[in-house]
C-alpha atoms as a PDB file:
ATOM      1  CA  GLN A   1     -52.670 -65.730  35.165  1.00  0.00           C
ATOM      2  CA  VAL A   2     -49.716 -64.990  32.941  1.00  0.00           C
ATOM      3  CA  GLN A   3     -49.243 -66.555  29.548  1.00  0.00           C
ATOM      4  CA  VAL A   4     -45.660 -67.229  28.583  1.00  0.00           C
ATOM      5  CA  VAL A   5     -44.674 -68.168  25.041  1.00  0.00           C
ATOM      6  CA  GLU A   6     -41.167 -69.037  23.858  1.00  0.00           C
ATOM      7  CA  SER A   7     -39.873 -69.139  20.307  1.00  0.00           C
ATOM      8  CA  GLY A   8     -36.631 -69.282  18.396  1.00  0.00           C
ATOM      9  CA  GLY A   9     -35.208 -72.721  19.024  1.00  0.00           C
ATOM     10  CA  GLY A  10     -33.729 -74.904  16.339  1.00  0.00           C
ATOM     11  CA  LEU A  11     -30.796 -76.971  15.144  1.00  0.00           C
ATOM     12  CA  VAL A  12     -27.382 -75.371  14.826  1.00  0.00           C
ATOM     13  CA  GLU A  13     -23.801 -76.533  14.441  1.00  0.00           C
ATOM     14  CA  ALA A  14     -21.318 -76.156  17.282  1.00  0.00           C
ATOM     15  CA  GLY A  15     -19.984 -72.620  17.362  1.00  0.00           C
ATOM     16  CA  GLY A  16     -23.180 -71.220  15.910  1.00  0.00           C
ATOM     17  CA  SER A  17     -25.755 -68.858  17.356  1.00  0.00           C
ATOM     18  CA  LEU A  18     -29.450 -68.802  18.147  1.00  0.00           C
ATOM     19  CA  ARG A  19     -31.753 -66.194  19.630  1.00  0.00           C
ATOM     20  CA  LEU A  20     -34.665 -67.208  21.835  1.00  0.00           C
ATOM     21  CA  SER A  21     -37.645 -65.006  22.608  1.00  0.00           C
ATOM     22  CA  CYS A  22     -40.151 -65.155  25.430  1.00  0.00           C
ATOM     23  CA  ALA A  23     -43.300 -63.061  25.492  1.00  0.00           C
ATOM     24  CA  ALA A  24     -45.306 -62.602  28.685  1.00  0.00           C
ATOM     25  CA  SER A  25     -48.887 -61.437  28.651  1.00  0.00           C
ATOM     26  CA  ARG A  26     -48.252 -58.855  31.374  1.00  0.00           C
ATOM     27  CA  ARG A  27     -45.502 -57.148  33.352  1.00  0.00           C
ATOM     28  CA  THR A  28     -43.696 -59.490  35.761  1.00  0.00           C
ATOM     29  CA  PHE A  29     -41.318 -59.206  38.701  1.00  0.00           C
ATOM     30  CA  SER A  30     -38.656 -61.228  36.975  1.00  0.00           C
ATOM     31  CA  MET A  31     -38.175 -63.418  33.951  1.00  0.00           C
ATOM     32  CA  GLY A  32     -35.609 -66.052  33.300  1.00  0.00           C
ATOM     33  CA  TRP A  33     -34.428 -68.928  31.182  1.00  0.00           C
ATOM     34  CA  PHE A  34     -33.985 -72.509  32.296  1.00  0.00           C
ATOM     35  CA  ARG A  35     -33.095 -75.606  30.323  1.00  0.00           C
ATOM     36  CA  GLN A  36     -33.522 -79.327  30.610  1.00  0.00           C
ATOM     37  CA  ALA A  37     -31.400 -81.829  28.764  1.00  0.00           C
ATOM     38  CA  PRO A  38     -32.554 -85.432  28.266  1.00  0.00           C
ATOM     39  CA  GLY A  39     -32.186 -87.409  31.454  1.00  0.00           C
ATOM     40  CA  LYS A  40     -31.187 -84.383  33.495  1.00  0.00           C
ATOM     41  CA  GLU A  41     -32.907 -82.004  35.853  1.00  0.00           C
ATOM     42  CA  ARG A  42     -33.997 -78.561  34.781  1.00  0.00           C
ATOM     43  CA  GLU A  43     -31.245 -76.043  35.385  1.00  0.00           C
ATOM     44  CA  TYR A  44     -30.997 -72.285  35.627  1.00  0.00           C
ATOM     45  CA  VAL A  45     -29.509 -70.373  32.689  1.00  0.00           C
ATOM     46  CA  ALA A  46     -30.084 -66.638  33.185  1.00  0.00           C
ATOM     47  CA  SER A  47     -32.581 -64.153  34.561  1.00  0.00           C
ATOM     48  CA  VAL A  48     -33.410 -60.474  34.854  1.00  0.00           C
ATOM     49  CA  LEU A  49     -35.251 -58.511  37.520  1.00  0.00           C
ATOM     50  CA  TRP A  50     -37.662 -56.355  35.582  1.00  0.00           C
ATOM     51  CA  SER A  51     -37.661 -53.284  37.851  1.00  0.00           C
ATOM     52  CA  SER A  52     -33.911 -52.949  38.400  1.00  0.00           C
ATOM     53  CA  GLY A  53     -32.571 -54.637  35.310  1.00  0.00           C
ATOM     54  CA  THR A  54     -30.302 -56.831  37.426  1.00  0.00           C
ATOM     55  CA  ILE A  55     -29.059 -59.744  35.354  1.00  0.00           C
ATOM     56  CA  ASN A  56     -27.553 -63.039  36.441  1.00  0.00           C
ATOM     57  CA  TYR A  57     -26.081 -65.922  34.494  1.00  0.00           C
ATOM     58  CA  ALA A  58     -25.165 -69.500  35.237  1.00  0.00           C
ATOM     59  CA  ASP A  59     -21.412 -70.015  35.130  1.00  0.00           C
ATOM     60  CA  SER A  60     -21.796 -72.453  32.250  1.00  0.00           C
ATOM     61  CA  VAL A  61     -23.120 -69.749  29.900  1.00  0.00           C
ATOM     62  CA  LYS A  62     -21.276 -66.631  31.053  1.00  0.00           C
ATOM     63  CA  GLY A  63     -19.518 -64.899  28.193  1.00  0.00           C
ATOM     64  CA  ARG A  64     -21.508 -66.825  25.589  1.00  0.00           C
ATOM     65  CA  PHE A  65     -25.157 -66.045  26.311  1.00  0.00           C
ATOM     66  CA  THR A  66     -26.695 -62.599  26.668  1.00  0.00           C
ATOM     67  CA  ILE A  67     -30.101 -61.912  28.152  1.00  0.00           C
ATOM     68  CA  SER A  68     -31.996 -58.772  27.222  1.00  0.00           C
ATOM     69  CA  ARG A  69     -35.518 -57.411  27.387  1.00  0.00           C
ATOM     70  CA  ASP A  70     -38.070 -55.210  25.704  1.00  0.00           C
ATOM     71  CA  ASN A  71     -39.903 -53.426  28.483  1.00  0.00           C
ATOM     72  CA  ALA A  72     -42.743 -52.192  26.342  1.00  0.00           C
ATOM     73  CA  GLU A  73     -43.517 -55.639  24.992  1.00  0.00           C
ATOM     74  CA  ASN A  74     -42.820 -57.643  28.196  1.00  0.00           C
ATOM     75  CA  THR A  75     -40.482 -59.729  26.087  1.00  0.00           C
ATOM     76  CA  LEU A  76     -37.284 -61.452  27.095  1.00  0.00           C
ATOM     77  CA  TYR A  77     -34.521 -62.538  24.752  1.00  0.00           C
ATOM     78  CA  LEU A  78     -31.603 -64.913  25.040  1.00  0.00           C
ATOM     79  CA  GLN A  79     -28.814 -64.484  22.516  1.00  0.00           C
ATOM     80  CA  MET A  80     -26.777 -67.668  22.499  1.00  0.00           C
ATOM     81  CA  ASN A  81     -23.367 -67.567  20.833  1.00  0.00           C
ATOM     82  CA  SER A  82     -20.536 -70.081  20.613  1.00  0.00           C
ATOM     83  CA  LEU A  83     -23.013 -72.883  21.164  1.00  0.00           C
ATOM     84  CA  LYS A  84     -21.730 -76.250  22.318  1.00  0.00           C
ATOM     85  CA  PRO A  85     -23.274 -79.719  22.035  1.00  0.00           C
ATOM     86  CA  GLU A  86     -23.782 -79.643  25.800  1.00  0.00           C
ATOM     87  CA  ASP A  87     -26.136 -76.689  25.341  1.00  0.00           C
ATOM     88  CA  THR A  88     -28.612 -79.069  23.718  1.00  0.00           C
ATOM     89  CA  ALA A  89     -31.804 -78.976  25.761  1.00  0.00           C
ATOM     90  CA  VAL A  90     -35.371 -77.781  25.892  1.00  0.00           C
ATOM     91  CA  TYR A  91     -35.239 -74.151  26.955  1.00  0.00           C
ATOM     92  CA  TYR A  92     -38.018 -72.858  29.155  1.00  0.00           C
ATOM     93  CA  CYS A  93     -38.961 -69.323  30.040  1.00  0.00           C
ATOM     94  CA  ARG A  94     -40.215 -68.573  33.532  1.00  0.00           C
ATOM     95  CA  ALA A  95     -42.122 -65.469  34.568  1.00  0.00           C
ATOM     96  CA  ARG A  96     -42.445 -64.691  38.259  1.00  0.00           C
ATOM     97  CA  VAL A  97     -45.329 -62.611  39.579  1.00  0.00           C
ATOM     98  CA  GLY A  98     -45.517 -62.347  43.347  1.00  0.00           C
ATOM     99  CA  ALA A  99     -45.296 -65.846  44.769  1.00  0.00           C
ATOM    100  CA  TYR A 100     -46.240 -67.527  41.512  1.00  0.00           C
ATOM    101  CA  ASP A 101     -44.164 -68.874  38.652  1.00  0.00           C
ATOM    102  CA  TYR A 102     -45.498 -69.247  35.140  1.00  0.00           C
ATOM    103  CA  TRP A 103     -43.723 -71.425  32.604  1.00  0.00           C
ATOM    104  CA  GLY A 104     -43.786 -71.549  28.851  1.00  0.00           C
ATOM    105  CA  GLN A 105     -44.090 -74.737  26.852  1.00  0.00           C
ATOM    106  CA  GLY A 106     -40.386 -74.823  26.011  1.00  0.00           C
ATOM    107  CA  THR A 107     -38.423 -74.573  22.805  1.00  0.00           C
ATOM    108  CA  GLN A 108     -35.918 -77.172  21.614  1.00  0.00           C
ATOM    109  CA  VAL A 109     -32.303 -76.216  21.007  1.00  0.00           C
ATOM    110  CA  ALA A 110     -30.073 -78.834  19.418  1.00  0.00           C
ATOM    111  CA  VAL A 111     -26.372 -78.281  18.804  1.00  0.00           C
ATOM    112  CA  SER A 112     -24.559 -80.725  16.571  1.00  0.00           C
ATOM    113  CA  SER A 113     -20.857 -81.450  16.895  1.00  0.00           C
END
């Protein structure tokens, strides 16, 4: 079992910034961020492969969001800049270990216009 805990959400005006954190209870193969807006399916945001450091982003956040990690603390971050109202969603962290995915409880991000 892997415990995954997100933090850092909140309410911000359009153009503002927020930083999300995700702490895993142990080392994982990969960690990533997903989000789900009301009435929509959960969508991929960004991820990192822990061993290689390979990072990927969804096209919708490229150039605005930056994913980073703290290896020692098994912690993932998502720096979100130039936020838009369409970024409003519950953001979830996913940790992958072998064939299993572990999800956090989610953190709400709301961007006002």
